[in-house]
PDB file of N, CA and C in Angstrom:
ATOM      1  N   MET A   1       6.436 -13.060   1.046  1.00  0.00           N
ATOM      2  CA  MET A   1       5.509 -13.116  -0.034  1.00  0.00           C
ATOM      3  C   MET A   1       6.312 -12.929  -1.324  1.00  0.00           C
ATOM      4  N   GLU A   2       5.799 -13.614  -2.341  1.00  0.00           N
ATOM      5  CA  GLU A   2       6.474 -13.599  -3.648  1.00  0.00           C
ATOM      6  C   GLU A   2       6.458 -12.171  -4.319  1.00  0.00           C
ATOM      7  N   LEU A   3       7.654 -11.647  -4.693  1.00  0.00           N
ATOM      8  CA  LEU A   3       7.771 -10.410  -5.180  1.00  0.00           C
ATOM      9  C   LEU A   3       6.829 -10.091  -6.428  1.00  0.00           C
ATOM     10  N   ALA A   4       6.769 -11.143  -7.305  1.00  0.00           N
ATOM     11  CA  ALA A   4       5.828 -10.848  -8.460  1.00  0.00           C
ATOM     12  C   ALA A   4       4.429 -10.794  -8.000  1.00  0.00           C
ATOM     13  N   LYS A   5       3.920 -11.433  -6.955  1.00  0.00           N
ATOM     14  CA  LYS A   5       2.613 -11.278  -6.504  1.00  0.00           C
ATOM     15  C   LYS A   5       2.480  -9.860  -5.877  1.00  0.00           C
ATOM     16  N   LEU A   6       3.567  -9.482  -5.161  1.00  0.00           N
ATOM     17  CA  LEU A   6       3.430  -8.035  -4.565  1.00  0.00           C
ATOM     18  C   LEU A   6       3.379  -6.963  -5.639  1.00  0.00           C
ATOM     19  N   LYS A   7       4.082  -7.158  -6.705  1.00  0.00           N
ATOM     20  CA  LYS A   7       4.092  -6.265  -7.802  1.00  0.00           C
ATOM     21  C   LYS A   7       2.676  -6.201  -8.392  1.00  0.00           C
ATOM     22  N   TRP A   8       2.047  -7.252  -8.544  1.00  0.00           N
ATOM     23  CA  TRP A   8       0.732  -7.275  -9.088  1.00  0.00           C
ATOM     24  C   TRP A   8      -0.320  -6.560  -8.072  1.00  0.00           C
ATOM     25  N   GLN A   9      -0.133  -6.740  -6.831  1.00  0.00           N
ATOM     26  CA  GLN A   9      -0.948  -6.154  -5.785  1.00  0.00           C
ATOM     27  C   GLN A   9      -0.782  -4.700  -5.739  1.00  0.00           C
ATOM     28  N   CYS A  10       0.314  -4.073  -6.176  1.00  0.00           N
ATOM     29  CA  CYS A  10       0.589  -2.768  -6.218  1.00  0.00           C
ATOM     30  C   CYS A  10      -0.214  -2.018  -7.420  1.00  0.00           C
ATOM     31  N   ARG A  11      -0.690  -2.788  -8.266  1.00  0.00           N
ATOM     32  CA  ARG A  11      -1.473  -2.206  -9.392  1.00  0.00           C
ATOM     33  C   ARG A  11      -2.828  -1.899  -8.859  1.00  0.00           C
ATOM     34  N   ARG A  12      -3.183  -0.578  -8.791  1.00  0.00           N
ATOM     35  CA  ARG A  12      -4.507  -0.158  -8.243  1.00  0.00           C
ATOM     36  C   ARG A  12      -5.457   0.459  -9.251  1.00  0.00           C
ATOM     37  N   GLY A  13      -6.449   1.052  -8.722  1.00  0.00           N
ATOM     38  CA  GLY A  13      -7.338   1.768  -9.584  1.00  0.00           C
ATOM     39  C   GLY A  13      -6.993   3.211  -9.862  1.00  0.00           C
ATOM     40  N   SER A  14      -5.879   3.615  -9.403  1.00  0.00           N
ATOM     41  CA  SER A  14      -5.391   5.065  -9.714  1.00  0.00           C
ATOM     42  C   SER A  14      -3.906   4.962 -10.046  1.00  0.00           C
ATOM     43  N   LEU A  15      -3.516   5.902 -10.883  1.00  0.00           N
ATOM     44  CA  LEU A  15      -2.193   6.063 -11.229  1.00  0.00           C
ATOM     45  C   LEU A  15      -1.327   6.668 -10.103  1.00  0.00           C
ATOM     46  N   GLU A  16      -1.931   7.341  -9.157  1.00  0.00           N
ATOM     47  CA  GLU A  16      -1.213   7.794  -8.058  1.00  0.00           C
ATOM     48  C   GLU A  16      -0.803   6.734  -7.170  1.00  0.00           C
ATOM     49  N   LEU A  17      -1.722   5.826  -6.878  1.00  0.00           N
ATOM     50  CA  LEU A  17      -1.461   4.707  -5.937  1.00  0.00           C
ATOM     51  C   LEU A  17      -0.477   3.824  -6.700  1.00  0.00           C
ATOM     52  N   ASP A  18      -0.665   3.489  -7.865  1.00  0.00           N
ATOM     53  CA  ASP A  18       0.321   2.614  -8.612  1.00  0.00           C
ATOM     54  C   ASP A  18       1.678   3.160  -8.427  1.00  0.00           C
ATOM     55  N   LEU A  19       1.870   4.417  -8.675  1.00  0.00           N
ATOM     56  CA  LEU A  19       3.319   5.069  -8.515  1.00  0.00           C
ATOM     57  C   LEU A  19       3.892   4.910  -7.129  1.00  0.00           C
ATOM     58  N   LEU A  20       3.041   5.270  -6.199  1.00  0.00           N
ATOM     59  CA  LEU A  20       3.560   5.323  -4.872  1.00  0.00           C
ATOM     60  C   LEU A  20       3.880   3.954  -4.390  1.00  0.00           C
ATOM     61  N   LEU A  21       3.071   2.872  -4.545  1.00  0.00           N
ATOM     62  CA  LEU A  21       3.270   1.604  -4.000  1.00  0.00           C
ATOM     63  C   LEU A  21       4.411   0.988  -4.819  1.00  0.00           C
ATOM     64  N   GLN A  22       4.429   1.059  -6.105  1.00  0.00           N
ATOM     65  CA  GLN A  22       5.384   0.455  -6.906  1.00  0.00           C
ATOM     66  C   GLN A  22       6.806   1.077  -6.628  1.00  0.00           C
ATOM     67  N   HIS A  23       6.922   2.341  -6.357  1.00  0.00           N
ATOM     68  CA  HIS A  23       8.096   2.963  -6.033  1.00  0.00           C
ATOM     69  C   HIS A  23       8.727   2.356  -4.710  1.00  0.00           C
ATOM     70  N   TYR A  24       7.896   2.143  -3.636  1.00  0.00           N
ATOM     71  CA  TYR A  24       8.401   1.513  -2.475  1.00  0.00           C
ATOM     72  C   TYR A  24       8.839   0.190  -2.719  1.00  0.00           C
ATOM     73  N   LEU A  25       7.959  -0.600  -3.479  1.00  0.00           N
ATOM     74  CA  LEU A  25       8.413  -1.906  -3.766  1.00  0.00           C
ATOM     75  C   LEU A  25       9.788  -2.076  -4.472  1.00  0.00           C
ATOM     76  N   ASP A  26      10.054  -1.235  -5.440  1.00  0.00           N
ATOM     77  CA  ASP A  26      11.220  -1.250  -6.191  1.00  0.00           C
ATOM     78  C   ASP A  26      12.422  -0.673  -5.457  1.00  0.00           C
ATOM     79  N   THR A  27      12.284   0.276  -4.529  1.00  0.00           N
ATOM     80  CA  THR A  27      13.393   0.913  -3.974  1.00  0.00           C
ATOM     81  C   THR A  27      13.733   0.546  -2.501  1.00  0.00           C
ATOM     82  N   ALA A  28      12.656   0.075  -1.766  1.00  0.00           N
ATOM     83  CA  ALA A  28      12.886  -0.064  -0.377  1.00  0.00           C
ATOM     84  C   ALA A  28      12.446  -1.443   0.260  1.00  0.00           C
ATOM     85  N   TYR A  29      11.521  -2.189  -0.511  1.00  0.00           N
ATOM     86  CA  TYR A  29      10.884  -3.278   0.266  1.00  0.00           C
ATOM     87  C   TYR A  29      11.850  -4.343   0.524  1.00  0.00           C
ATOM     88  N   LEU A  30      12.765  -4.691  -0.396  1.00  0.00           N
ATOM     89  CA  LEU A  30      13.742  -5.758  -0.092  1.00  0.00           C
ATOM     90  C   LEU A  30      14.771  -5.391   0.971  1.00  0.00           C
ATOM     91  N   GLN A  31      15.074  -4.143   1.296  1.00  0.00           N
ATOM     92  CA  GLN A  31      15.958  -3.791   2.256  1.00  0.00           C
ATOM     93  C   GLN A  31      15.234  -3.560   3.597  1.00  0.00           C
ATOM     94  N   ALA A  32      13.902  -3.538   3.623  1.00  0.00           N
ATOM     95  CA  ALA A  32      13.161  -3.395   4.869  1.00  0.00           C
ATOM     96  C   ALA A  32      13.207  -4.728   5.751  1.00  0.00           C
ATOM     97  N   ASN A  33      13.155  -4.391   7.038  1.00  0.00           N
ATOM     98  CA  ASN A  33      13.145  -5.479   7.990  1.00  0.00           C
ATOM     99  C   ASN A  33      11.793  -6.276   7.848  1.00  0.00           C
ATOM    100  N   PRO A  34      11.723  -7.526   8.264  1.00  0.00           N
ATOM    101  CA  PRO A  34      10.565  -8.353   8.211  1.00  0.00           C
ATOM    102  C   PRO A  34       9.255  -7.684   8.644  1.00  0.00           C
ATOM    103  N   GLU A  35       9.302  -6.892   9.778  1.00  0.00           N
ATOM    104  CA  GLU A  35       8.167  -6.349  10.372  1.00  0.00           C
ATOM    105  C   GLU A  35       7.601  -5.140   9.389  1.00  0.00           C
ATOM    106  N   GLU A  36       8.530  -4.371   8.708  1.00  0.00           N
ATOM    107  CA  GLU A  36       8.125  -3.363   7.812  1.00  0.00           C
ATOM    108  C   GLU A  36       7.553  -4.022   6.574  1.00  0.00           C
ATOM    109  N   GLN A  37       8.075  -5.092   6.090  1.00  0.00           N
ATOM    110  CA  GLN A  37       7.559  -5.868   4.938  1.00  0.00           C
ATOM    111  C   GLN A  37       6.235  -6.319   5.248  1.00  0.00           C
ATOM    112  N   ALA A  38       5.936  -6.884   6.422  1.00  0.00           N
ATOM    113  CA  ALA A  38       4.657  -7.321   6.869  1.00  0.00           C
ATOM    114  C   ALA A  38       3.618  -6.284   6.737  1.00  0.00           C
ATOM    115  N   ARG A  39       4.040  -5.087   7.283  1.00  0.00           N
ATOM    116  CA  ARG A  39       3.143  -3.821   7.344  1.00  0.00           C
ATOM    117  C   ARG A  39       2.820  -3.407   5.948  1.00  0.00           C
ATOM    118  N   PHE A  40       3.653  -3.597   4.963  1.00  0.00           N
ATOM    119  CA  PHE A  40       3.463  -3.124   3.639  1.00  0.00           C
ATOM    120  C   PHE A  40       2.573  -4.154   2.980  1.00  0.00           C
ATOM    121  N   VAL A  41       2.709  -5.490   3.146  1.00  0.00           N
ATOM    122  CA  VAL A  41       1.794  -6.446   2.714  1.00  0.00           C
ATOM    123  C   VAL A  41       0.402  -6.248   3.305  1.00  0.00           C
ATOM    124  N   ALA A  42       0.211  -5.802   4.635  1.00  0.00           N
ATOM    125  CA  ALA A  42      -1.099  -5.481   5.129  1.00  0.00           C
ATOM    126  C   ALA A  42      -1.707  -4.227   4.537  1.00  0.00           C
ATOM    127  N   LEU A  43      -0.847  -3.218   4.222  1.00  0.00           N
ATOM    128  CA  LEU A  43      -1.330  -2.020   3.588  1.00  0.00           C
ATOM    129  C   LEU A  43      -1.921  -2.408   2.163  1.00  0.00           C
ATOM    130  N   LEU A  44      -1.376  -3.427   1.470  1.00  0.00           N
ATOM    131  CA  LEU A  44      -1.843  -3.714   0.231  1.00  0.00           C
ATOM    132  C   LEU A  44      -3.246  -4.368   0.206  1.00  0.00           C
ATOM    133  N   GLN A  45      -3.691  -4.733   1.352  1.00  0.00           N
ATOM    134  CA  GLN A  45      -4.963  -5.335   1.496  1.00  0.00           C
ATOM    135  C   GLN A  45      -6.131  -4.279   1.694  1.00  0.00           C
ATOM    136  N   LEU A  46      -5.645  -3.031   1.996  1.00  0.00           N
ATOM    137  CA  LEU A  46      -6.641  -2.037   2.073  1.00  0.00           C
ATOM    138  C   LEU A  46      -7.289  -1.559   0.749  1.00  0.00           C
ATOM    139  N   GLU A  47      -8.542  -1.001   0.838  1.00  0.00           N
ATOM    140  CA  GLU A  47      -9.281  -0.547  -0.344  1.00  0.00           C
ATOM    141  C   GLU A  47      -8.471   0.688  -0.850  1.00  0.00           C
ATOM    142  N   ASP A  48      -8.569   1.104  -2.103  1.00  0.00           N
ATOM    143  CA  ASP A  48      -7.963   2.143  -2.695  1.00  0.00           C
ATOM    144  C   ASP A  48      -8.448   3.456  -2.027  1.00  0.00           C
ATOM    145  N   GLU A  49      -9.710   3.560  -1.593  1.00  0.00           N
ATOM    146  CA  GLU A  49     -10.260   4.766  -1.029  1.00  0.00           C
ATOM    147  C   GLU A  49      -9.541   4.955   0.314  1.00  0.00           C
ATOM    148  N   VAL A  50      -9.320   3.957   1.076  1.00  0.00           N
ATOM    149  CA  VAL A  50      -8.491   4.195   2.316  1.00  0.00           C
ATOM    150  C   VAL A  50      -7.090   4.505   2.032  1.00  0.00           C
ATOM    151  N   LEU A  51      -6.400   3.895   1.118  1.00  0.00           N
ATOM    152  CA  LEU A  51      -4.990   4.298   0.802  1.00  0.00           C
ATOM    153  C   LEU A  51      -4.907   5.715   0.448  1.00  0.00           C
ATOM    154  N   LEU A  52      -5.782   6.219  -0.421  1.00  0.00           N
ATOM    155  CA  LEU A  52      -5.785   7.547  -0.924  1.00  0.00           C
ATOM    156  C   LEU A  52      -6.005   8.497   0.232  1.00  0.00           C
ATOM    157  N   ALA A  53      -6.812   8.094   1.192  1.00  0.00           N
ATOM    158  CA  ALA A  53      -6.982   8.928   2.344  1.00  0.00           C
ATOM    159  C   ALA A  53      -5.684   9.024   3.323  1.00  0.00           C
ATOM    160  N   VAL A  54      -5.083   7.862   3.420  1.00  0.00           N
ATOM    161  CA  VAL A  54      -3.961   7.798   4.190  1.00  0.00           C
ATOM    162  C   VAL A  54      -2.863   8.667   3.542  1.00  0.00           C
ATOM    163  N   PHE A  55      -2.560   8.522   2.242  1.00  0.00           N
ATOM    164  CA  PHE A  55      -1.508   9.110   1.532  1.00  0.00           C
ATOM    165  C   PHE A  55      -1.736  10.596   1.348  1.00  0.00           C
ATOM    166  N   THR A  56      -2.945  11.033   1.335  1.00  0.00           N
ATOM    167  CA  THR A  56      -3.296  12.458   1.212  1.00  0.00           C
ATOM    168  C   THR A  56      -3.675  13.131   2.574  1.00  0.00           C
ATOM    169  N   ASN A  57      -3.498  12.366   3.657  1.00  0.00           N
ATOM    170  CA  ASN A  57      -3.686  12.855   5.049  1.00  0.00           C
ATOM    171  C   ASN A  57      -5.038  13.387   5.297  1.00  0.00           C
ATOM    172  N   GLN A  58      -6.102  12.656   4.669  1.00  0.00           N
ATOM    173  CA  GLN A  58      -7.475  13.010   4.810  1.00  0.00           C
ATOM    174  C   GLN A  58      -8.028  12.185   5.974  1.00  0.00           C
ATOM    175  N   ARG A  59      -9.120  12.577   6.537  1.00  0.00           N
ATOM    176  CA  ARG A  59      -9.824  11.890   7.679  1.00  0.00           C
ATOM    177  C   ARG A  59     -10.672  10.755   6.920  1.00  0.00           C
ATOM    178  N   LEU A  60     -10.773   9.616   7.577  1.00  0.00           N
ATOM    179  CA  LEU A  60     -11.575   8.517   7.064  1.00  0.00           C
ATOM    180  C   LEU A  60     -13.040   8.799   7.872  1.00  0.00           C
ATOM    181  N   SER A  61     -13.975   8.415   7.207  1.00  0.00           N
ATOM    182  CA  SER A  61     -15.356   8.487   7.748  1.00  0.00           C
ATOM    183  C   SER A  61     -15.525   7.439   8.892  1.00  0.00           C
ATOM    184  N   ALA A  62     -16.351   7.751   9.801  1.00  0.00           N
ATOM    185  CA  ALA A  62     -16.589   6.818  10.936  1.00  0.00           C
ATOM    186  C   ALA A  62     -16.985   5.437  10.565  1.00  0.00           C
ATOM    187  N   ASP A  63     -17.676   5.362   9.364  1.00  0.00           N
ATOM    188  CA  ASP A  63     -18.174   4.064   8.968  1.00  0.00           C
ATOM    189  C   ASP A  63     -17.058   3.221   8.136  1.00  0.00           C
ATOM    190  N   ASN A  64     -15.942   3.787   8.063  1.00  0.00           N
ATOM    191  CA  ASN A  64     -14.927   3.032   7.332  1.00  0.00           C
ATOM    192  C   ASN A  64     -13.577   3.102   8.107  1.00  0.00           C
ATOM    193  N   PRO A  65     -13.546   2.607   9.296  1.00  0.00           N
ATOM    194  CA  PRO A  65     -12.315   2.718  10.200  1.00  0.00           C
ATOM    195  C   PRO A  65     -11.317   1.560   9.892  1.00  0.00           C
ATOM    196  N   GLN A  66     -10.835   1.449   8.716  1.00  0.00           N
ATOM    197  CA  GLN A  66      -9.906   0.288   8.361  1.00  0.00           C
ATOM    198  C   GLN A  66      -8.456   0.602   9.006  1.00  0.00           C
ATOM    199  N   LEU A  67      -8.268   1.827   9.235  1.00  0.00           N
ATOM    200  CA  LEU A  67      -6.919   2.039   9.903  1.00  0.00           C
ATOM    201  C   LEU A  67      -6.958   2.360  11.401  1.00  0.00           C
TER     202      LEU A  67
END
């Protein structure tokens, strides 16, 4: 996937997510193997609520099993 498009997708509704996702993209994405890059692209498709739950180690509600 094009790097500029990924950079845009890293822009989220919260500063915390922006910083986490952008940091990975800037420091590790290009060095990652294709499988890890694909997982990152899939991660970017998740809703902000789900990403925050994942990054803060919170449980997701049963009605939102995106992971």
